[in-house]
Amino acid sequence: MPQNRPALQRADQEFDVDLSINGQTRTLDDDAVDPAMPLLWVLRDVLNLTGTKFGCGVSACGACTVHADGEAVRSCVTPLGAVAGKRIVTIEALGSAAQPHALQAAWIAHQVPQCGYCQSGMLMAAAALLAKNSNPTGADIDAAITNLCRCGTYPRIREAIKTAATAMRGGAVVKPGTKP
């Protein structure tokens, strides 16, 4: 972000918002956004980052989970102005097809995805958990992963998180398409 400018700048009712999205600085002006606009719609409609999903719009389901300065936040109820100047990470930056994040590899190995709609939010919530707790218990996982899954794959989600935690601590790495 420009060094001499605040993250949210107002002048005569005009404003610019500086955001770090997936490691790239983006400046959004008042022609495109309003500081009260939910971050979810900025990501999806303005920046065309559609991996983050709309599920409920009231912070209940977690499909819209992203990271703001390393914290899992529900982007459907987070105003753009509240994250000005913060580092935002979306599912698009978690891993890649060539180099999946340990969670993505474990998700595939444990056959977690069913319909897939909640998966980006689940993965982002799990990544925030593992960034803070490298060896979570089942209770830790249940407390951190409050996302809703219509398909009911919660037991597989817990196992995938434990598998990813082991891999991230230097244990056995699970290759996508293989059984743990």
N, C-alpha and C. Protein backbone atom coordinates (compact mmCIF):
# COMPACT_ATOMS: atom_id res chain seq x y z
N MET A 1 0.83 -1.18 0.00
CA MET A 1 0.00 0.00 0.00
C MET A 1 0.87 1.24 0.00
N PRO A 2 0.39 2.30 -0.60
CA PRO A 2 1.17 3.53 -0.59
C PRO A 2 1.49 3.93 0.84
N GLN A 3 2.74 4.28 1.09
CA GLN A 3 3.22 4.53 2.44
C GLN A 3 2.63 5.77 3.10
N ASN A 4 2.35 6.80 2.35
CA ASN A 4 1.92 8.06 2.94
C ASN A 4 0.42 8.26 2.91
N ARG A 5 -0.33 7.20 2.70
CA ARG A 5 -1.76 7.33 2.58
C ARG A 5 -2.46 6.35 3.51
N PRO A 6 -3.48 6.77 4.26
CA PRO A 6 -4.19 5.83 5.10
C PRO A 6 -4.93 4.81 4.24
N ALA A 7 -5.27 3.66 4.85
CA ALA A 7 -5.93 2.60 4.12
C ALA A 7 -7.32 3.00 3.64
N LEU A 8 -8.01 3.83 4.40
CA LEU A 8 -9.32 4.32 4.00
C LEU A 8 -9.24 5.83 4.01
N GLN A 9 -9.33 6.43 2.85
CA GLN A 9 -9.11 7.87 2.72
C GLN A 9 -10.38 8.54 2.21
N ARG A 10 -10.84 9.57 2.92
CA ARG A 10 -12.02 10.33 2.49
C ARG A 10 -11.61 11.77 2.21
N ALA A 11 -12.13 12.31 1.15
CA ALA A 11 -11.91 13.72 0.82
C ALA A 11 -13.13 14.19 0.04
N ASP A 12 -13.88 15.11 0.62
CA ASP A 12 -15.09 15.62 -0.04
C ASP A 12 -16.03 14.48 -0.45
N GLN A 13 -16.28 13.55 0.44
CA GLN A 13 -17.18 12.42 0.22
C GLN A 13 -16.64 11.39 -0.77
N GLU A 14 -15.45 11.58 -1.28
CA GLU A 14 -14.84 10.57 -2.14
C GLU A 14 -13.88 9.76 -1.28
N PHE A 15 -13.67 8.52 -1.63
CA PHE A 15 -12.75 7.71 -0.84
C PHE A 15 -12.08 6.66 -1.72
N ASP A 16 -10.94 6.24 -1.26
CA ASP A 16 -10.24 5.10 -1.84
C ASP A 16 -10.02 4.12 -0.70
N VAL A 17 -10.07 2.83 -1.00
CA VAL A 17 -9.79 1.80 -0.02
C VAL A 17 -8.63 0.98 -0.56
N ASP A 18 -7.57 0.87 0.24
CA ASP A 18 -6.43 0.03 -0.12
C ASP A 18 -6.58 -1.30 0.60
N LEU A 19 -6.49 -2.37 -0.16
CA LEU A 19 -6.55 -3.72 0.40
C LEU A 19 -5.40 -4.54 -0.14
N SER A 20 -4.89 -5.43 0.69
CA SER A 20 -3.96 -6.44 0.22
C SER A 20 -4.77 -7.72 0.07
N ILE A 21 -5.00 -8.11 -1.17
CA ILE A 21 -5.80 -9.31 -1.46
C ILE A 21 -4.87 -10.36 -2.05
N ASN A 22 -4.72 -11.46 -1.33
CA ASN A 22 -3.88 -12.57 -1.81
C ASN A 22 -2.49 -12.09 -2.22
N GLY A 23 -1.95 -11.15 -1.43
CA GLY A 23 -0.59 -10.67 -1.65
C GLY A 23 -0.46 -9.53 -2.65
N GLN A 24 -1.55 -9.10 -3.24
CA GLN A 24 -1.51 -7.99 -4.20
C GLN A 24 -2.27 -6.80 -3.64
N THR A 25 -1.67 -5.63 -3.74
CA THR A 25 -2.35 -4.42 -3.28
C THR A 25 -3.36 -3.98 -4.32
N ARG A 26 -4.56 -3.75 -3.86
CA ARG A 26 -5.64 -3.29 -4.74
C ARG A 26 -6.20 -2.00 -4.17
N THR A 27 -6.35 -0.99 -4.99
CA THR A 27 -6.97 0.27 -4.59
C THR A 27 -8.34 0.34 -5.24
N LEU A 28 -9.36 0.46 -4.41
CA LEU A 28 -10.73 0.54 -4.89
C LEU A 28 -11.25 1.94 -4.63
N ASP A 29 -11.92 2.51 -5.61
CA ASP A 29 -12.44 3.86 -5.42
C ASP A 29 -13.95 3.85 -5.28
N ASP A 30 -14.49 5.02 -4.98
CA ASP A 30 -15.91 5.11 -4.69
C ASP A 30 -16.81 4.86 -5.90
N ASP A 31 -16.25 4.77 -7.08
CA ASP A 31 -17.06 4.39 -8.24
C ASP A 31 -17.42 2.91 -8.19
N ALA A 32 -16.61 2.12 -7.51
CA ALA A 32 -16.81 0.68 -7.47
C ALA A 32 -17.37 0.18 -6.15
N VAL A 33 -17.06 0.85 -5.05
CA VAL A 33 -17.41 0.31 -3.73
C VAL A 33 -17.85 1.40 -2.76
N ASP A 34 -18.48 0.95 -1.71
CA ASP A 34 -18.87 1.79 -0.58
C ASP A 34 -18.24 1.14 0.64
N PRO A 35 -17.76 1.89 1.63
CA PRO A 35 -17.12 1.26 2.79
C PRO A 35 -18.06 0.35 3.57
N ALA A 36 -19.37 0.51 3.41
CA ALA A 36 -20.32 -0.35 4.11
C ALA A 36 -20.61 -1.64 3.34
N MET A 37 -20.15 -1.72 2.10
CA MET A 37 -20.39 -2.91 1.27
C MET A 37 -19.74 -4.13 1.91
N PRO A 38 -20.46 -5.26 2.03
CA PRO A 38 -19.84 -6.46 2.58
C PRO A 38 -18.62 -6.90 1.74
N LEU A 39 -17.59 -7.31 2.44
CA LEU A 39 -16.37 -7.77 1.78
C LEU A 39 -16.67 -8.87 0.76
N LEU A 40 -17.60 -9.74 1.06
CA LEU A 40 -17.96 -10.82 0.13
C LEU A 40 -18.28 -10.30 -1.26
N TRP A 41 -19.08 -9.24 -1.33
CA TRP A 41 -19.49 -8.72 -2.63
C TRP A 41 -18.36 -7.96 -3.31
N VAL A 42 -17.47 -7.37 -2.53
CA VAL A 42 -16.29 -6.75 -3.13
C VAL A 42 -15.44 -7.84 -3.78
N LEU A 43 -15.21 -8.93 -3.06
CA LEU A 43 -14.40 -10.02 -3.59
C LEU A 43 -15.04 -10.61 -4.85
N ARG A 44 -16.31 -10.95 -4.77
CA ARG A 44 -16.98 -11.64 -5.87
C ARG A 44 -17.32 -10.73 -7.05
N ASP A 45 -17.94 -9.59 -6.76
CA ASP A 45 -18.49 -8.76 -7.84
C ASP A 45 -17.53 -7.71 -8.37
N VAL A 46 -16.67 -7.19 -7.51
CA VAL A 46 -15.75 -6.14 -7.94
C VAL A 46 -14.42 -6.73 -8.39
N LEU A 47 -13.89 -7.67 -7.61
CA LEU A 47 -12.57 -8.24 -7.91
C LEU A 47 -12.64 -9.56 -8.67
N ASN A 48 -13.84 -10.10 -8.86
CA ASN A 48 -14.06 -11.35 -9.59
C ASN A 48 -13.33 -12.54 -8.97
N LEU A 49 -13.22 -12.56 -7.65
CA LEU A 49 -12.67 -13.70 -6.91
C LEU A 49 -13.86 -14.50 -6.40
N THR A 50 -14.30 -15.47 -7.16
CA THR A 50 -15.57 -16.14 -6.89
C THR A 50 -15.44 -17.43 -6.09
N GLY A 51 -14.26 -17.74 -5.60
CA GLY A 51 -14.10 -18.94 -4.78
C GLY A 51 -14.79 -18.82 -3.44
N THR A 52 -14.91 -17.63 -2.91
CA THR A 52 -15.60 -17.38 -1.65
C THR A 52 -17.09 -17.36 -1.97
N LYS A 53 -17.86 -18.16 -1.24
CA LYS A 53 -19.27 -18.36 -1.58
C LYS A 53 -20.22 -17.58 -0.68
N PHE A 54 -21.40 -17.26 -1.22
CA PHE A 54 -22.51 -16.72 -0.45
C PHE A 54 -23.38 -17.89 -0.04
N GLY A 55 -23.63 -17.99 1.26
CA GLY A 55 -24.50 -19.06 1.73
C GLY A 55 -25.74 -18.54 2.41
N CYS A 56 -25.57 -17.67 3.40
CA CYS A 56 -26.71 -17.24 4.20
C CYS A 56 -26.84 -15.73 4.34
N GLY A 57 -25.74 -15.02 4.31
CA GLY A 57 -25.76 -13.57 4.45
C GLY A 57 -25.89 -13.07 5.87
N VAL A 58 -25.89 -13.98 6.86
CA VAL A 58 -26.04 -13.56 8.26
C VAL A 58 -24.95 -14.16 9.16
N SER A 59 -23.85 -14.60 8.58
CA SER A 59 -22.71 -15.12 9.33
C SER A 59 -22.97 -16.46 10.01
N ALA A 60 -23.98 -17.19 9.58
CA ALA A 60 -24.31 -18.45 10.24
C ALA A 60 -23.64 -19.66 9.62
N CYS A 61 -23.47 -19.67 8.29
CA CYS A 61 -23.03 -20.91 7.64
C CYS A 61 -21.53 -21.02 7.43
N GLY A 62 -20.83 -19.91 7.25
CA GLY A 62 -19.39 -19.93 7.08
C GLY A 62 -18.89 -20.14 5.67
N ALA A 63 -19.78 -20.26 4.68
CA ALA A 63 -19.34 -20.45 3.29
C ALA A 63 -18.50 -19.28 2.80
N CYS A 64 -18.65 -18.13 3.43
CA CYS A 64 -17.96 -16.90 3.00
C CYS A 64 -16.67 -16.63 3.76
N THR A 65 -16.16 -17.59 4.52
CA THR A 65 -15.00 -17.36 5.38
C THR A 65 -13.75 -17.05 4.56
N VAL A 66 -13.06 -15.99 4.97
CA VAL A 66 -11.76 -15.59 4.42
C VAL A 66 -10.88 -15.22 5.61
N HIS A 67 -9.63 -14.90 5.36
CA HIS A 67 -8.73 -14.45 6.42
C HIS A 67 -8.52 -12.95 6.30
N ALA A 68 -8.55 -12.28 7.44
CA ALA A 68 -8.19 -10.86 7.54
C ALA A 68 -7.10 -10.78 8.60
N ASP A 69 -5.88 -10.48 8.15
CA ASP A 69 -4.71 -10.49 9.04
C ASP A 69 -4.60 -11.81 9.80
N GLY A 70 -4.86 -12.92 9.11
CA GLY A 70 -4.70 -14.25 9.67
C GLY A 70 -5.88 -14.77 10.46
N GLU A 71 -6.87 -13.94 10.69
CA GLU A 71 -8.07 -14.36 11.43
C GLU A 71 -9.16 -14.78 10.45
N ALA A 72 -9.87 -15.85 10.78
CA ALA A 72 -11.01 -16.26 9.96
C ALA A 72 -12.15 -15.28 10.22
N VAL A 73 -12.69 -14.69 9.15
CA VAL A 73 -13.82 -13.77 9.27
C VAL A 73 -14.89 -14.16 8.26
N ARG A 74 -16.11 -13.88 8.60
CA ARG A 74 -17.25 -14.12 7.71
C ARG A 74 -17.43 -12.88 6.84
N SER A 75 -17.08 -13.00 5.60
CA SER A 75 -17.05 -11.83 4.71
C SER A 75 -18.44 -11.31 4.35
N CYS A 76 -19.49 -12.09 4.56
CA CYS A 76 -20.83 -11.61 4.21
C CYS A 76 -21.32 -10.53 5.15
N VAL A 77 -20.74 -10.43 6.35
CA VAL A 77 -21.17 -9.42 7.33
C VAL A 77 -20.03 -8.49 7.72
N THR A 78 -18.90 -8.58 7.02
CA THR A 78 -17.75 -7.73 7.32
C THR A 78 -17.73 -6.57 6.33
N PRO A 79 -17.98 -5.34 6.80
CA PRO A 79 -17.95 -4.21 5.88
C PRO A 79 -16.55 -3.97 5.33
N LEU A 80 -16.48 -3.56 4.10
CA LEU A 80 -15.20 -3.26 3.47
C LEU A 80 -14.37 -2.31 4.32
N GLY A 81 -14.99 -1.28 4.87
CA GLY A 81 -14.26 -0.31 5.68
C GLY A 81 -13.59 -0.92 6.90
N ALA A 82 -14.13 -2.04 7.41
CA ALA A 82 -13.55 -2.69 8.59
C ALA A 82 -12.26 -3.43 8.29
N VAL A 83 -12.00 -3.73 7.02
CA VAL A 83 -10.79 -4.47 6.66
C VAL A 83 -9.81 -3.63 5.85
N ALA A 84 -10.08 -2.35 5.73
CA ALA A 84 -9.16 -1.46 5.01
C ALA A 84 -7.79 -1.54 5.67
N GLY A 85 -6.76 -1.75 4.87
CA GLY A 85 -5.40 -1.83 5.38
C GLY A 85 -5.00 -3.20 5.89
N LYS A 86 -5.92 -4.16 5.91
CA LYS A 86 -5.60 -5.51 6.40
C LYS A 86 -5.21 -6.41 5.23
N ARG A 87 -4.52 -7.50 5.57
CA ARG A 87 -4.15 -8.51 4.58
C ARG A 87 -5.31 -9.50 4.46
N ILE A 88 -5.92 -9.57 3.30
CA ILE A 88 -7.03 -10.47 3.05
C ILE A 88 -6.52 -11.65 2.23
N VAL A 89 -6.87 -12.86 2.67
CA VAL A 89 -6.51 -14.06 1.92
C VAL A 89 -7.80 -14.83 1.66
N THR A 90 -7.98 -15.22 0.40
CA THR A 90 -9.15 -15.99 0.00
C THR A 90 -8.72 -17.40 -0.40
N ILE A 91 -9.69 -18.24 -0.67
CA ILE A 91 -9.40 -19.62 -1.07
C ILE A 91 -8.51 -19.68 -2.31
N GLU A 92 -8.58 -18.68 -3.17
CA GLU A 92 -7.76 -18.68 -4.39
C GLU A 92 -6.27 -18.71 -4.07
N ALA A 93 -5.87 -18.25 -2.88
CA ALA A 93 -4.45 -18.19 -2.53
C ALA A 93 -4.04 -19.28 -1.54
N LEU A 94 -4.94 -20.17 -1.18
CA LEU A 94 -4.58 -21.20 -0.20
C LEU A 94 -3.60 -22.21 -0.78
N GLY A 95 -3.80 -22.62 -1.99
CA GLY A 95 -2.92 -23.57 -2.65
C GLY A 95 -3.22 -23.54 -4.14
N SER A 96 -2.60 -24.44 -4.88
CA SER A 96 -2.84 -24.49 -6.32
C SER A 96 -2.98 -25.95 -6.74
N ALA A 97 -3.38 -26.16 -7.96
CA ALA A 97 -3.49 -27.53 -8.47
C ALA A 97 -2.12 -28.20 -8.46
N ALA A 98 -1.09 -27.45 -8.80
CA ALA A 98 0.27 -28.00 -8.83
C ALA A 98 0.83 -28.21 -7.43
N GLN A 99 0.49 -27.32 -6.51
CA GLN A 99 0.98 -27.40 -5.13
C GLN A 99 -0.17 -27.14 -4.17
N PRO A 100 -1.00 -28.16 -3.93
CA PRO A 100 -2.11 -27.95 -3.02
C PRO A 100 -1.63 -27.77 -1.58
N HIS A 101 -2.37 -26.99 -0.83
CA HIS A 101 -2.12 -26.84 0.60
C HIS A 101 -2.35 -28.21 1.24
N ALA A 102 -1.70 -28.48 2.35
CA ALA A 102 -1.87 -29.77 3.04
C ALA A 102 -3.34 -30.06 3.33
N LEU A 103 -4.10 -29.03 3.64
CA LEU A 103 -5.54 -29.23 3.89
C LEU A 103 -6.26 -29.67 2.63
N GLN A 104 -5.94 -29.07 1.50
CA GLN A 104 -6.60 -29.45 0.25
C GLN A 104 -6.28 -30.90 -0.11
N ALA A 105 -5.04 -31.31 0.08
CA ALA A 105 -4.66 -32.69 -0.20
C ALA A 105 -5.39 -33.65 0.74
N ALA A 106 -5.47 -33.29 2.01
CA ALA A 106 -6.17 -34.13 2.99
C ALA A 106 -7.67 -34.17 2.70
N TRP A 107 -8.22 -33.05 2.27
CA TRP A 107 -9.65 -32.98 1.92
C TRP A 107 -9.97 -34.02 0.83
N ILE A 108 -9.10 -34.07 -0.18
CA ILE A 108 -9.31 -35.00 -1.28
C ILE A 108 -9.09 -36.43 -0.81
N ALA A 109 -8.03 -36.66 -0.05
CA ALA A 109 -7.72 -38.01 0.42
C ALA A 109 -8.83 -38.58 1.30
N HIS A 110 -9.46 -37.74 2.09
CA HIS A 110 -10.54 -38.19 2.98
C HIS A 110 -11.92 -38.07 2.33
N GLN A 111 -11.95 -37.70 1.07
CA GLN A 111 -13.19 -37.57 0.31
C GLN A 111 -14.20 -36.68 1.03
N VAL A 112 -13.71 -35.53 1.50
CA VAL A 112 -14.58 -34.58 2.20
C VAL A 112 -15.60 -33.94 1.26
N PRO A 113 -15.19 -33.42 0.10
CA PRO A 113 -16.16 -32.69 -0.71
C PRO A 113 -17.30 -33.57 -1.21
N GLN A 114 -18.48 -33.09 -1.04
CA GLN A 114 -19.66 -33.72 -1.63
C GLN A 114 -20.21 -32.72 -2.64
N CYS A 115 -21.12 -31.86 -2.21
CA CYS A 115 -21.62 -30.83 -3.13
C CYS A 115 -20.57 -29.74 -3.32
N GLY A 116 -19.73 -29.52 -2.33
CA GLY A 116 -18.62 -28.59 -2.45
C GLY A 116 -18.91 -27.15 -2.10
N TYR A 117 -20.17 -26.81 -1.87
CA TYR A 117 -20.50 -25.41 -1.69
C TYR A 117 -19.84 -24.80 -0.45
N CYS A 118 -19.77 -25.52 0.63
CA CYS A 118 -19.20 -24.99 1.87
C CYS A 118 -17.69 -25.12 1.92
N GLN A 119 -17.11 -25.81 0.97
CA GLN A 119 -15.71 -26.22 1.10
C GLN A 119 -14.71 -25.07 1.20
N SER A 120 -14.89 -24.01 0.44
CA SER A 120 -13.91 -22.92 0.52
C SER A 120 -13.91 -22.31 1.91
N GLY A 121 -15.09 -22.11 2.49
CA GLY A 121 -15.17 -21.57 3.84
C GLY A 121 -14.62 -22.52 4.88
N MET A 122 -14.91 -23.81 4.72
CA MET A 122 -14.38 -24.82 5.65
C MET A 122 -12.86 -24.83 5.59
N LEU A 123 -12.31 -24.84 4.40
CA LEU A 123 -10.85 -24.87 4.25
C LEU A 123 -10.20 -23.63 4.86
N MET A 124 -10.81 -22.47 4.66
CA MET A 124 -10.23 -21.24 5.21
C MET A 124 -10.32 -21.23 6.73
N ALA A 125 -11.42 -21.73 7.30
CA ALA A 125 -11.54 -21.82 8.75
C ALA A 125 -10.51 -22.81 9.30
N ALA A 126 -10.34 -23.93 8.62
CA ALA A 126 -9.36 -24.93 9.06
C ALA A 126 -7.93 -24.40 8.95
N ALA A 127 -7.64 -23.66 7.89
CA ALA A 127 -6.30 -23.08 7.73
C ALA A 127 -6.00 -22.08 8.85
N ALA A 128 -6.99 -21.28 9.23
CA ALA A 128 -6.80 -20.34 10.34
C ALA A 128 -6.54 -21.10 11.64
N LEU A 129 -7.27 -22.18 11.86
CA LEU A 129 -7.05 -23.01 13.05
C LEU A 129 -5.63 -23.56 13.07
N LEU A 130 -5.19 -24.17 11.98
CA LEU A 130 -3.87 -24.80 11.96
C LEU A 130 -2.73 -23.78 12.01
N ALA A 131 -2.98 -22.57 11.60
CA ALA A 131 -1.96 -21.52 11.72
C ALA A 131 -1.72 -21.17 13.19
N LYS A 132 -2.72 -21.37 14.02
CA LYS A 132 -2.61 -21.06 15.45
C LYS A 132 -2.34 -22.28 16.32
N ASN A 133 -2.79 -23.44 15.86
CA ASN A 133 -2.71 -24.65 16.66
C ASN A 133 -2.29 -25.79 15.74
N SER A 134 -1.02 -26.19 15.83
CA SER A 134 -0.49 -27.19 14.90
C SER A 134 -0.89 -28.62 15.25
N ASN A 135 -1.50 -28.82 16.41
CA ASN A 135 -1.90 -30.16 16.81
C ASN A 135 -3.25 -30.10 17.52
N PRO A 136 -4.31 -29.74 16.78
CA PRO A 136 -5.61 -29.56 17.43
C PRO A 136 -6.25 -30.88 17.84
N THR A 137 -6.95 -30.83 18.95
CA THR A 137 -7.75 -31.97 19.40
C THR A 137 -9.09 -31.92 18.67
N GLY A 138 -9.87 -32.97 18.83
CA GLY A 138 -11.21 -32.96 18.26
C GLY A 138 -12.03 -31.80 18.79
N ALA A 139 -11.88 -31.50 20.09
CA ALA A 139 -12.62 -30.38 20.69
C ALA A 139 -12.15 -29.05 20.11
N ASP A 140 -10.84 -28.91 19.86
CA ASP A 140 -10.32 -27.69 19.23
C ASP A 140 -10.92 -27.50 17.84
N ILE A 141 -10.99 -28.59 17.10
CA ILE A 141 -11.54 -28.53 15.74
C ILE A 141 -13.01 -28.14 15.80
N ASP A 142 -13.76 -28.78 16.68
CA ASP A 142 -15.19 -28.48 16.79
C ASP A 142 -15.43 -27.02 17.19
N ALA A 143 -14.57 -26.48 18.05
CA ALA A 143 -14.72 -25.09 18.49
C ALA A 143 -14.38 -24.11 17.37
N ALA A 144 -13.41 -24.46 16.54
CA ALA A 144 -12.95 -23.53 15.50
C ALA A 144 -13.75 -23.64 14.21
N ILE A 145 -14.25 -24.81 13.91
CA ILE A 145 -14.96 -25.03 12.65
C ILE A 145 -16.45 -25.00 12.93
N THR A 146 -17.01 -23.81 12.85
CA THR A 146 -18.44 -23.64 13.12
C THR A 146 -19.25 -23.53 11.84
N ASN A 147 -18.62 -23.83 10.73
CA ASN A 147 -19.27 -23.78 9.43
C ASN A 147 -20.33 -24.88 9.33
N LEU A 148 -21.34 -24.63 8.53
CA LEU A 148 -22.38 -25.62 8.29
C LEU A 148 -22.10 -26.36 6.99
N CYS A 149 -22.32 -27.67 7.02
CA CYS A 149 -22.15 -28.51 5.84
C CYS A 149 -23.46 -29.26 5.62
N ARG A 150 -24.13 -28.97 4.53
CA ARG A 150 -25.41 -29.63 4.23
C ARG A 150 -25.25 -31.12 4.01
N CYS A 151 -24.08 -31.53 3.55
CA CYS A 151 -23.86 -32.94 3.23
C CYS A 151 -23.46 -33.76 4.45
N GLY A 152 -23.15 -33.10 5.56
CA GLY A 152 -22.85 -33.81 6.80
C GLY A 152 -21.54 -34.56 6.81
N THR A 153 -20.50 -34.00 6.22
CA THR A 153 -19.21 -34.70 6.17
C THR A 153 -18.31 -34.34 7.36
N TYR A 154 -18.90 -33.95 8.48
CA TYR A 154 -18.11 -33.51 9.63
C TYR A 154 -17.07 -34.52 10.11
N PRO A 155 -17.38 -35.82 10.20
CA PRO A 155 -16.33 -36.76 10.63
C PRO A 155 -15.13 -36.76 9.67
N ARG A 156 -15.39 -36.68 8.37
CA ARG A 156 -14.29 -36.65 7.40
C ARG A 156 -13.53 -35.33 7.49
N ILE A 157 -14.24 -34.25 7.78
CA ILE A 157 -13.58 -32.94 7.93
C ILE A 157 -12.61 -32.99 9.10
N ARG A 158 -13.05 -33.54 10.24
CA ARG A 158 -12.17 -33.65 11.41
C ARG A 158 -10.93 -34.47 11.07
N GLU A 159 -11.12 -35.60 10.42
CA GLU A 159 -9.99 -36.47 10.07
C GLU A 159 -9.05 -35.77 9.08
N ALA A 160 -9.61 -35.07 8.14
CA ALA A 160 -8.77 -34.36 7.16
C ALA A 160 -7.94 -33.27 7.85
N ILE A 161 -8.53 -32.57 8.80
CA ILE A 161 -7.78 -31.54 9.53
C ILE A 161 -6.66 -32.18 10.33
N LYS A 162 -6.92 -33.31 10.97
CA LYS A 162 -5.87 -34.00 11.73
C LYS A 162 -4.76 -34.49 10.79
N THR A 163 -5.13 -35.01 9.63
CA THR A 163 -4.14 -35.47 8.65
C THR A 163 -3.29 -34.30 8.16
N ALA A 164 -3.93 -33.19 7.85
CA ALA A 164 -3.19 -32.00 7.39
C ALA A 164 -2.27 -31.48 8.49
N ALA A 165 -2.74 -31.48 9.73
CA ALA A 165 -1.91 -31.02 10.84
C ALA A 165 -0.65 -31.87 10.96
N THR A 166 -0.81 -33.18 10.83
CA THR A 166 0.35 -34.08 10.88
C THR A 166 1.32 -33.76 9.75
N ALA A 167 0.80 -33.58 8.54
CA ALA A 167 1.66 -33.27 7.39
C ALA A 167 2.37 -31.94 7.60
N MET A 168 1.67 -30.96 8.14
CA MET A 168 2.26 -29.63 8.33
C MET A 168 3.31 -29.63 9.44
N ARG A 169 3.23 -30.59 10.35
CA ARG A 169 4.26 -30.72 11.40
C ARG A 169 5.43 -31.57 10.92
N GLY A 170 5.42 -31.97 9.66
CA GLY A 170 6.52 -32.75 9.12
C GLY A 170 6.24 -34.23 9.06
N GLY A 171 5.02 -34.62 9.33
CA GLY A 171 4.64 -36.02 9.26
C GLY A 171 4.37 -36.45 7.83
N ALA A 172 3.70 -37.57 7.71
CA ALA A 172 3.39 -38.12 6.39
C ALA A 172 2.57 -37.13 5.57
N VAL A 173 3.00 -36.93 4.36
CA VAL A 173 2.28 -36.05 3.44
C VAL A 173 1.31 -36.89 2.63
N VAL A 174 0.09 -36.44 2.56
CA VAL A 174 -0.93 -37.15 1.80
C VAL A 174 -0.98 -36.56 0.40
N LYS A 175 -0.85 -37.41 -0.58
CA LYS A 175 -0.96 -36.97 -1.98
C LYS A 175 -2.44 -37.03 -2.38
N PRO A 176 -2.91 -36.00 -3.09
CA PRO A 176 -4.30 -36.05 -3.55
C PRO A 176 -4.57 -37.33 -4.32
N GLY A 177 -5.72 -37.93 -4.06
CA GLY A 177 -6.11 -39.14 -4.75
C GLY A 177 -5.64 -40.41 -4.08
N THR A 178 -4.92 -40.29 -2.95
CA THR A 178 -4.48 -41.47 -2.22
C THR A 178 -5.17 -41.52 -0.87
N LYS A 179 -5.22 -42.68 -0.29
CA LYS A 179 -5.82 -42.84 1.04
C LYS A 179 -4.78 -42.50 2.10
N PRO A 180 -5.21 -41.84 3.19
CA PRO A 180 -4.26 -41.51 4.27
C PRO A 180 -3.81 -42.75 5.01
